N, C-alpha and C. Protein backbone atom coordinates (compact mmCIF):
# COMPACT_ATOMS: atom_id res chain seq x y z
N MET A 1 64.19 110.14 120.03
CA MET A 1 64.87 110.36 121.29
C MET A 1 65.22 111.83 121.40
N LYS A 2 64.95 112.40 122.57
CA LYS A 2 65.22 113.81 122.79
C LYS A 2 66.39 113.95 123.76
N LEU A 3 67.41 114.71 123.37
CA LEU A 3 68.58 114.92 124.22
C LEU A 3 68.28 115.97 125.27
N PRO A 4 68.87 115.85 126.47
CA PRO A 4 68.66 116.87 127.49
C PRO A 4 69.31 118.19 127.06
N PRO A 5 68.82 119.31 127.59
CA PRO A 5 69.41 120.61 127.22
C PRO A 5 70.84 120.72 127.73
N LYS A 6 71.62 121.54 127.04
CA LYS A 6 72.99 121.78 127.47
C LYS A 6 72.98 122.52 128.80
N VAL A 7 73.94 122.18 129.65
CA VAL A 7 74.02 122.82 130.96
C VAL A 7 74.58 124.23 130.80
N ILE A 8 73.89 125.18 131.41
CA ILE A 8 74.29 126.59 131.35
C ILE A 8 74.49 127.06 132.78
N HIS A 9 75.43 127.96 132.98
CA HIS A 9 75.67 128.49 134.31
C HIS A 9 74.40 129.17 134.84
N PRO A 10 74.20 129.10 136.16
CA PRO A 10 73.05 129.80 136.73
C PRO A 10 73.10 131.30 136.43
N MET A 11 71.97 131.93 136.48
CA MET A 11 71.86 133.35 136.10
C MET A 11 72.76 134.26 136.93
N GLY A 12 73.09 133.89 138.18
CA GLY A 12 73.88 134.76 139.04
C GLY A 12 75.35 134.84 138.64
N VAL A 13 75.83 133.93 137.84
CA VAL A 13 77.23 133.91 137.45
C VAL A 13 77.37 134.61 136.11
N SER A 14 77.93 135.83 136.15
CA SER A 14 78.03 136.58 134.92
C SER A 14 79.39 136.43 134.25
N GLN A 15 80.47 136.33 135.05
CA GLN A 15 81.79 136.22 134.46
C GLN A 15 82.55 135.09 135.15
N LEU A 16 83.26 134.34 134.37
CA LEU A 16 84.11 133.30 134.91
C LEU A 16 85.46 133.93 135.24
N PRO A 17 86.15 133.42 136.25
CA PRO A 17 87.46 133.99 136.58
C PRO A 17 88.46 133.77 135.45
N GLU A 18 89.37 134.70 135.33
CA GLU A 18 90.40 134.61 134.30
C GLU A 18 91.38 133.49 134.65
N LYS A 19 91.81 132.75 133.65
CA LYS A 19 92.83 131.74 133.87
C LYS A 19 94.18 132.42 133.92
N THR A 20 94.94 132.10 134.96
CA THR A 20 96.28 132.66 135.09
C THR A 20 97.25 131.52 135.40
N ASP A 21 98.51 131.75 135.09
CA ASP A 21 99.53 130.78 135.45
C ASP A 21 99.70 130.78 136.96
N LEU A 22 99.99 129.63 137.51
CA LEU A 22 100.12 129.49 138.95
C LEU A 22 101.59 129.62 139.33
N PHE A 23 101.97 130.83 139.77
CA PHE A 23 103.34 131.06 140.19
C PHE A 23 103.43 131.28 141.69
N GLU A 24 102.30 131.45 142.34
CA GLU A 24 102.32 131.66 143.78
C GLU A 24 102.43 130.32 144.49
N ALA A 25 102.97 130.36 145.70
CA ALA A 25 103.08 129.15 146.50
C ALA A 25 101.69 128.75 147.00
N VAL A 26 101.45 127.45 147.05
CA VAL A 26 100.19 126.91 147.53
C VAL A 26 100.47 126.16 148.82
N GLU A 27 99.68 126.41 149.84
CA GLU A 27 99.87 125.74 151.11
C GLU A 27 99.15 124.40 151.10
N VAL A 28 99.86 123.35 151.52
CA VAL A 28 99.32 122.00 151.53
C VAL A 28 99.50 121.41 152.93
N GLU A 29 98.47 120.76 153.44
CA GLU A 29 98.50 120.13 154.76
C GLU A 29 98.85 118.66 154.60
N THR A 30 99.97 118.22 155.20
CA THR A 30 100.40 116.83 155.11
C THR A 30 100.60 116.27 156.52
N TYR A 31 100.92 114.98 156.61
CA TYR A 31 101.19 114.36 157.91
C TYR A 31 102.49 114.89 158.50
N GLY A 32 103.36 115.44 157.68
CA GLY A 32 104.60 116.02 158.15
C GLY A 32 104.46 117.49 158.50
N GLY A 33 103.27 118.05 158.40
CA GLY A 33 103.02 119.45 158.68
C GLY A 33 102.63 120.20 157.42
N LYS A 34 102.50 121.53 157.55
CA LYS A 34 102.13 122.34 156.39
C LYS A 34 103.34 122.53 155.49
N LEU A 35 103.04 122.64 154.21
CA LEU A 35 104.08 122.71 153.20
C LEU A 35 103.71 123.77 152.18
N GLN A 36 104.69 124.50 151.69
CA GLN A 36 104.48 125.46 150.62
C GLN A 36 104.95 124.83 149.31
N VAL A 37 104.05 124.67 148.36
CA VAL A 37 104.40 124.08 147.07
C VAL A 37 104.48 125.19 146.03
N GLU A 38 105.60 125.24 145.33
CA GLU A 38 105.80 126.22 144.27
C GLU A 38 106.15 125.49 142.98
N TRP A 39 105.81 126.09 141.86
CA TRP A 39 106.11 125.51 140.56
C TRP A 39 107.24 126.28 139.91
N ASP A 40 108.13 125.54 139.32
CA ASP A 40 109.22 126.12 138.55
C ASP A 40 108.99 125.72 137.10
N PRO A 41 108.62 126.67 136.25
CA PRO A 41 108.29 126.30 134.86
C PRO A 41 109.48 125.72 134.09
N ASP A 42 110.69 125.94 134.57
CA ASP A 42 111.87 125.43 133.88
C ASP A 42 112.35 124.09 134.42
N ALA A 43 111.75 123.60 135.51
CA ALA A 43 112.20 122.35 136.12
C ALA A 43 111.61 121.14 135.39
N ALA A 44 112.28 120.02 135.53
CA ALA A 44 111.81 118.78 134.92
C ALA A 44 110.57 118.28 135.67
N VAL A 45 109.72 117.59 134.97
CA VAL A 45 108.51 117.02 135.56
C VAL A 45 108.87 115.68 136.19
N THR A 46 108.35 115.43 137.39
CA THR A 46 108.60 114.15 138.06
C THR A 46 107.32 113.34 138.10
N PRO A 47 107.42 112.01 138.15
CA PRO A 47 106.21 111.18 138.13
C PRO A 47 105.31 111.38 139.35
N ILE A 48 105.91 111.71 140.48
CA ILE A 48 105.07 111.87 141.68
C ILE A 48 105.16 113.31 142.21
N GLY A 49 105.29 114.26 141.31
CA GLY A 49 105.39 115.66 141.71
C GLY A 49 104.12 116.21 142.33
N GLN A 50 102.98 115.61 142.03
CA GLN A 50 101.70 116.06 142.59
C GLN A 50 101.36 115.33 143.88
N LEU A 51 102.28 114.52 144.39
CA LEU A 51 102.01 113.72 145.58
C LEU A 51 101.63 114.54 146.81
N PRO A 52 102.20 115.72 147.06
CA PRO A 52 101.76 116.49 148.24
C PRO A 52 100.25 116.77 148.24
N PHE A 53 99.67 116.99 147.08
CA PHE A 53 98.24 117.25 147.00
C PHE A 53 97.43 115.98 147.29
N PHE A 54 97.93 114.84 146.82
CA PHE A 54 97.25 113.58 147.11
C PHE A 54 97.35 113.24 148.59
N ILE A 55 98.50 113.53 149.19
CA ILE A 55 98.67 113.30 150.63
C ILE A 55 97.74 114.20 151.42
N GLN A 56 97.56 115.44 150.97
CA GLN A 56 96.59 116.32 151.64
C GLN A 56 95.19 115.74 151.55
N PHE A 57 94.81 115.21 150.39
CA PHE A 57 93.51 114.57 150.22
C PHE A 57 93.37 113.40 151.20
N LEU A 58 94.41 112.58 151.31
CA LEU A 58 94.36 111.43 152.22
C LEU A 58 94.23 111.87 153.67
N LYS A 59 94.95 112.93 154.04
CA LYS A 59 94.90 113.39 155.43
C LYS A 59 93.55 114.03 155.76
N LEU A 60 93.12 114.97 154.94
CA LEU A 60 91.87 115.67 155.23
C LEU A 60 90.65 114.76 155.06
N GLY A 61 90.77 113.75 154.21
CA GLY A 61 89.68 112.80 154.01
C GLY A 61 89.70 111.65 155.00
N GLY A 62 90.72 111.60 155.87
CA GLY A 62 90.81 110.54 156.86
C GLY A 62 90.96 109.17 156.22
N ARG A 63 91.84 109.05 155.22
CA ARG A 63 92.00 107.80 154.50
C ARG A 63 93.26 107.03 154.87
N PHE A 64 94.39 107.68 155.00
CA PHE A 64 95.65 106.96 155.16
C PHE A 64 95.86 106.45 156.58
N GLN A 65 95.73 107.31 157.58
CA GLN A 65 96.02 106.90 158.96
C GLN A 65 95.10 105.77 159.44
N PRO A 66 93.79 105.84 159.19
CA PRO A 66 92.95 104.69 159.58
C PRO A 66 93.32 103.42 158.83
N TRP A 67 93.73 103.54 157.59
CA TRP A 67 94.17 102.38 156.81
C TRP A 67 95.38 101.72 157.46
N VAL A 68 96.32 102.54 157.91
CA VAL A 68 97.51 102.02 158.59
C VAL A 68 97.13 101.44 159.95
N ASP A 69 96.32 102.17 160.72
CA ASP A 69 95.95 101.72 162.07
C ASP A 69 95.20 100.40 162.06
N ASP A 70 94.34 100.18 161.08
CA ASP A 70 93.52 98.98 161.01
C ASP A 70 94.25 97.78 160.40
N CYS A 71 95.43 97.98 159.87
CA CYS A 71 96.15 96.89 159.22
C CYS A 71 96.50 95.80 160.23
N PRO A 72 96.23 94.55 159.89
CA PRO A 72 96.52 93.46 160.82
C PRO A 72 97.99 93.02 160.81
N LEU A 73 98.90 93.97 160.68
CA LEU A 73 100.33 93.69 160.74
C LEU A 73 100.81 94.04 162.14
N HIS A 74 101.37 93.07 162.83
CA HIS A 74 101.83 93.29 164.21
C HIS A 74 103.22 92.70 164.37
N TYR A 75 104.09 93.49 164.95
CA TYR A 75 105.45 93.04 165.24
C TYR A 75 105.61 92.92 166.75
N LYS A 76 106.47 92.00 167.18
CA LYS A 76 106.75 91.83 168.61
C LYS A 76 108.13 92.34 168.98
N SER A 77 109.02 92.44 168.01
CA SER A 77 110.39 92.85 168.26
C SER A 77 110.51 94.38 168.31
N ASN A 78 111.39 94.85 169.18
CA ASN A 78 111.67 96.29 169.23
C ASN A 78 112.49 96.75 168.03
N ASN A 79 113.14 95.80 167.37
CA ASN A 79 113.97 96.12 166.21
C ASN A 79 113.19 96.12 164.90
N ALA A 80 111.94 95.72 164.95
CA ALA A 80 111.12 95.64 163.75
C ALA A 80 110.78 97.05 163.25
N PRO A 81 110.57 97.18 161.95
CA PRO A 81 110.19 98.51 161.44
C PRO A 81 108.78 98.88 161.88
N LYS A 82 108.50 100.16 161.84
CA LYS A 82 107.15 100.63 162.19
C LYS A 82 106.18 100.22 161.09
N LYS A 83 104.94 99.97 161.49
CA LYS A 83 103.92 99.58 160.53
C LYS A 83 103.72 100.65 159.47
N ILE A 84 103.73 101.91 159.87
CA ILE A 84 103.54 103.00 158.90
C ILE A 84 104.68 103.04 157.89
N ASP A 85 105.90 102.67 158.32
CA ASP A 85 107.03 102.68 157.40
C ASP A 85 106.91 101.56 156.37
N VAL A 86 106.45 100.39 156.79
CA VAL A 86 106.28 99.27 155.86
C VAL A 86 105.16 99.58 154.87
N LEU A 87 103.99 99.95 155.38
CA LEU A 87 102.85 100.22 154.49
C LEU A 87 103.09 101.45 153.62
N GLY A 88 103.70 102.46 154.20
CA GLY A 88 104.00 103.68 153.44
C GLY A 88 105.00 103.43 152.33
N SER A 89 105.98 102.57 152.58
CA SER A 89 106.96 102.24 151.54
C SER A 89 106.28 101.53 150.38
N LEU A 90 105.41 100.58 150.69
CA LEU A 90 104.66 99.89 149.64
C LEU A 90 103.75 100.87 148.89
N PHE A 91 103.11 101.75 149.64
CA PHE A 91 102.20 102.75 149.07
C PHE A 91 102.94 103.67 148.10
N LEU A 92 104.07 104.21 148.53
CA LEU A 92 104.86 105.10 147.66
C LEU A 92 105.38 104.35 146.44
N SER A 93 105.76 103.10 146.62
CA SER A 93 106.25 102.31 145.50
C SER A 93 105.17 102.10 144.46
N ILE A 94 103.97 101.79 144.91
CA ILE A 94 102.85 101.60 143.98
C ILE A 94 102.52 102.90 143.25
N LEU A 95 102.49 104.01 143.99
CA LEU A 95 102.20 105.30 143.36
C LEU A 95 103.28 105.71 142.37
N SER A 96 104.49 105.21 142.57
CA SER A 96 105.59 105.51 141.66
C SER A 96 105.58 104.63 140.43
N GLY A 97 104.64 103.69 140.37
CA GLY A 97 104.53 102.82 139.21
C GLY A 97 105.39 101.58 139.27
N HIS A 98 105.95 101.29 140.43
CA HIS A 98 106.80 100.11 140.56
C HIS A 98 105.97 98.84 140.51
N LYS A 99 106.54 97.80 139.93
CA LYS A 99 105.84 96.53 139.79
C LYS A 99 106.56 95.40 140.53
N ARG A 100 107.70 95.69 141.13
CA ARG A 100 108.47 94.67 141.84
C ARG A 100 108.91 95.23 143.20
N TYR A 101 109.04 94.32 144.18
CA TYR A 101 109.50 94.75 145.49
C TYR A 101 110.87 95.41 145.43
N ALA A 102 111.73 94.90 144.57
CA ALA A 102 113.09 95.41 144.49
C ALA A 102 113.13 96.89 144.12
N HIS A 103 112.09 97.39 143.48
CA HIS A 103 112.07 98.79 143.08
C HIS A 103 111.90 99.75 144.26
N ILE A 104 111.50 99.22 145.41
CA ILE A 104 111.38 100.07 146.61
C ILE A 104 112.73 100.71 146.93
N THR A 105 113.81 100.03 146.58
CA THR A 105 115.15 100.57 146.82
C THR A 105 115.31 101.94 146.18
N ASN A 106 114.66 102.19 145.06
CA ASN A 106 114.74 103.49 144.38
C ASN A 106 114.19 104.61 145.25
N LEU A 107 113.29 104.30 146.17
CA LEU A 107 112.67 105.32 147.01
C LEU A 107 113.47 105.64 148.27
N MET A 108 114.45 104.81 148.58
CA MET A 108 115.16 104.97 149.85
C MET A 108 115.91 106.31 149.95
N SER A 109 116.26 106.90 148.84
CA SER A 109 116.94 108.19 148.88
C SER A 109 115.96 109.37 148.92
N ASP A 110 114.68 109.10 148.71
CA ASP A 110 113.66 110.16 148.72
C ASP A 110 113.12 110.35 150.12
N ARG A 111 113.63 111.33 150.83
CA ARG A 111 113.19 111.57 152.21
C ARG A 111 111.98 112.50 152.26
N VAL A 112 111.74 113.26 151.22
CA VAL A 112 110.67 114.25 151.24
C VAL A 112 109.30 113.60 151.31
N ASN A 113 108.99 112.73 150.35
CA ASN A 113 107.65 112.16 150.29
C ASN A 113 107.36 111.24 151.46
N SER A 114 108.37 110.53 151.95
CA SER A 114 108.14 109.67 153.11
C SER A 114 107.80 110.51 154.34
N GLU A 115 108.44 111.64 154.50
CA GLU A 115 108.14 112.52 155.63
C GLU A 115 106.75 113.15 155.49
N LEU A 116 106.32 113.41 154.27
CA LEU A 116 104.98 113.98 154.07
C LEU A 116 103.89 113.00 154.49
N LEU A 117 104.19 111.69 154.42
CA LEU A 117 103.23 110.67 154.84
C LEU A 117 103.34 110.37 156.34
N GLY A 118 104.30 110.99 157.02
CA GLY A 118 104.48 110.75 158.45
C GLY A 118 105.35 109.55 158.75
N MET A 119 106.11 109.11 157.76
CA MET A 119 107.00 107.97 157.95
C MET A 119 108.34 108.46 158.49
N SER A 120 109.07 107.55 159.15
CA SER A 120 110.41 107.91 159.60
C SER A 120 111.46 107.48 158.58
N LYS A 121 111.13 106.48 157.73
CA LYS A 121 112.06 106.04 156.70
C LYS A 121 111.33 105.15 155.70
N VAL A 122 111.96 104.93 154.56
CA VAL A 122 111.50 103.94 153.59
C VAL A 122 112.23 102.65 153.92
N VAL A 123 111.47 101.58 154.11
CA VAL A 123 112.09 100.31 154.48
C VAL A 123 112.62 99.60 153.24
N SER A 124 113.45 98.61 153.46
CA SER A 124 114.00 97.83 152.35
C SER A 124 112.93 96.95 151.74
N ASP A 125 113.20 96.46 150.55
CA ASP A 125 112.24 95.58 149.90
C ASP A 125 112.07 94.28 150.69
N ASP A 126 113.12 93.82 151.35
CA ASP A 126 113.01 92.61 152.17
C ASP A 126 112.08 92.84 153.36
N SER A 127 112.20 93.99 154.02
CA SER A 127 111.32 94.29 155.16
C SER A 127 109.87 94.41 154.72
N ALA A 128 109.65 95.02 153.56
CA ALA A 128 108.28 95.16 153.05
C ALA A 128 107.69 93.79 152.71
N ARG A 129 108.48 92.95 152.07
CA ARG A 129 108.02 91.61 151.70
C ARG A 129 107.71 90.78 152.95
N ARG A 130 108.61 90.81 153.92
CA ARG A 130 108.37 90.05 155.16
C ARG A 130 107.16 90.59 155.91
N GLY A 131 106.96 91.90 155.87
CA GLY A 131 105.79 92.49 156.52
C GLY A 131 104.49 91.99 155.92
N LEU A 132 104.43 91.93 154.59
CA LEU A 132 103.22 91.43 153.94
C LEU A 132 102.97 89.96 154.26
N LYS A 133 104.04 89.18 154.39
CA LYS A 133 103.90 87.76 154.71
C LYS A 133 103.35 87.56 156.13
N LYS A 134 103.57 88.52 157.01
CA LYS A 134 103.09 88.39 158.38
C LYS A 134 101.58 88.63 158.50
N ILE A 135 100.97 89.23 157.50
CA ILE A 135 99.54 89.52 157.55
C ILE A 135 98.77 88.25 157.18
N ASP A 136 97.87 87.84 158.06
CA ASP A 136 97.00 86.70 157.78
C ASP A 136 96.15 87.03 156.55
N GLU A 137 96.03 86.08 155.63
CA GLU A 137 95.36 86.34 154.36
C GLU A 137 93.90 86.78 154.55
N GLU A 138 93.15 86.07 155.36
CA GLU A 138 91.73 86.42 155.55
C GLU A 138 91.58 87.78 156.22
N MET A 139 92.40 88.03 157.24
CA MET A 139 92.33 89.34 157.91
C MET A 139 92.77 90.46 156.98
N GLY A 140 93.77 90.18 156.14
CA GLY A 140 94.24 91.17 155.18
C GLY A 140 93.19 91.52 154.15
N ILE A 141 92.50 90.50 153.65
CA ILE A 141 91.43 90.75 152.67
C ILE A 141 90.31 91.56 153.31
N LYS A 142 89.95 91.21 154.52
CA LYS A 142 88.88 91.95 155.22
C LYS A 142 89.30 93.41 155.43
N TRP A 143 90.53 93.61 155.85
CA TRP A 143 91.06 94.97 156.08
C TRP A 143 91.00 95.80 154.78
N LEU A 144 91.48 95.24 153.69
CA LEU A 144 91.50 95.98 152.43
C LEU A 144 90.09 96.20 151.88
N GLN A 145 89.22 95.19 151.98
CA GLN A 145 87.85 95.34 151.50
C GLN A 145 87.10 96.41 152.28
N THR A 146 87.30 96.43 153.60
CA THR A 146 86.64 97.43 154.44
C THR A 146 87.03 98.84 154.02
N HIS A 147 88.31 99.05 153.82
CA HIS A 147 88.77 100.40 153.45
C HIS A 147 88.43 100.75 152.01
N LEU A 148 88.41 99.77 151.15
CA LEU A 148 87.98 100.03 149.78
C LEU A 148 86.51 100.44 149.75
N GLN A 149 85.68 99.68 150.45
CA GLN A 149 84.24 100.00 150.48
C GLN A 149 83.97 101.36 151.13
N SER A 150 84.76 101.72 152.14
CA SER A 150 84.55 103.02 152.78
C SER A 150 84.88 104.17 151.86
N SER A 151 85.68 103.91 150.81
CA SER A 151 86.05 104.99 149.90
C SER A 151 84.95 105.32 148.89
N TYR A 152 84.00 104.40 148.70
CA TYR A 152 82.92 104.68 147.75
C TYR A 152 81.54 104.53 148.34
N SER A 153 81.45 104.13 149.58
CA SER A 153 80.14 103.97 150.23
C SER A 153 79.53 105.33 150.53
N PRO A 154 78.21 105.45 150.39
CA PRO A 154 77.58 106.73 150.68
C PRO A 154 77.49 107.03 152.18
N TYR A 155 77.83 106.07 153.01
CA TYR A 155 77.72 106.29 154.48
C TYR A 155 79.03 106.24 155.15
């Protein structure tokens, strides 16, 4: 068996850029508008500290808003929470590593990440649970399968 040759940079690339520490602010595009992200080398690391970059990926890739728009969750009451708030709360909870609905309560004090997703608030765990129950199972599966397949389909 013959192994393929090692990959070498094309002839036009003579020097690689120097690695430097990232102390400058980086501009990130989110649903809440543009944001300047800066790193503080002395600050504590948070589990979802890189979330603004993931939100930029979702926005520029057209992933989050169509996912919310296509969701078969519909409310008739004017007092009901917005669909984006329910789905966004569940989304942030999952990204935070939560495994129970009750853990959504931990996100209610975090206004930054919810605003970056274009949400007006993080809903309670009861509102999120009731929202999921309102989605018809077959329609919900179709909705999720469609968006999952669009994330890896070549077309």
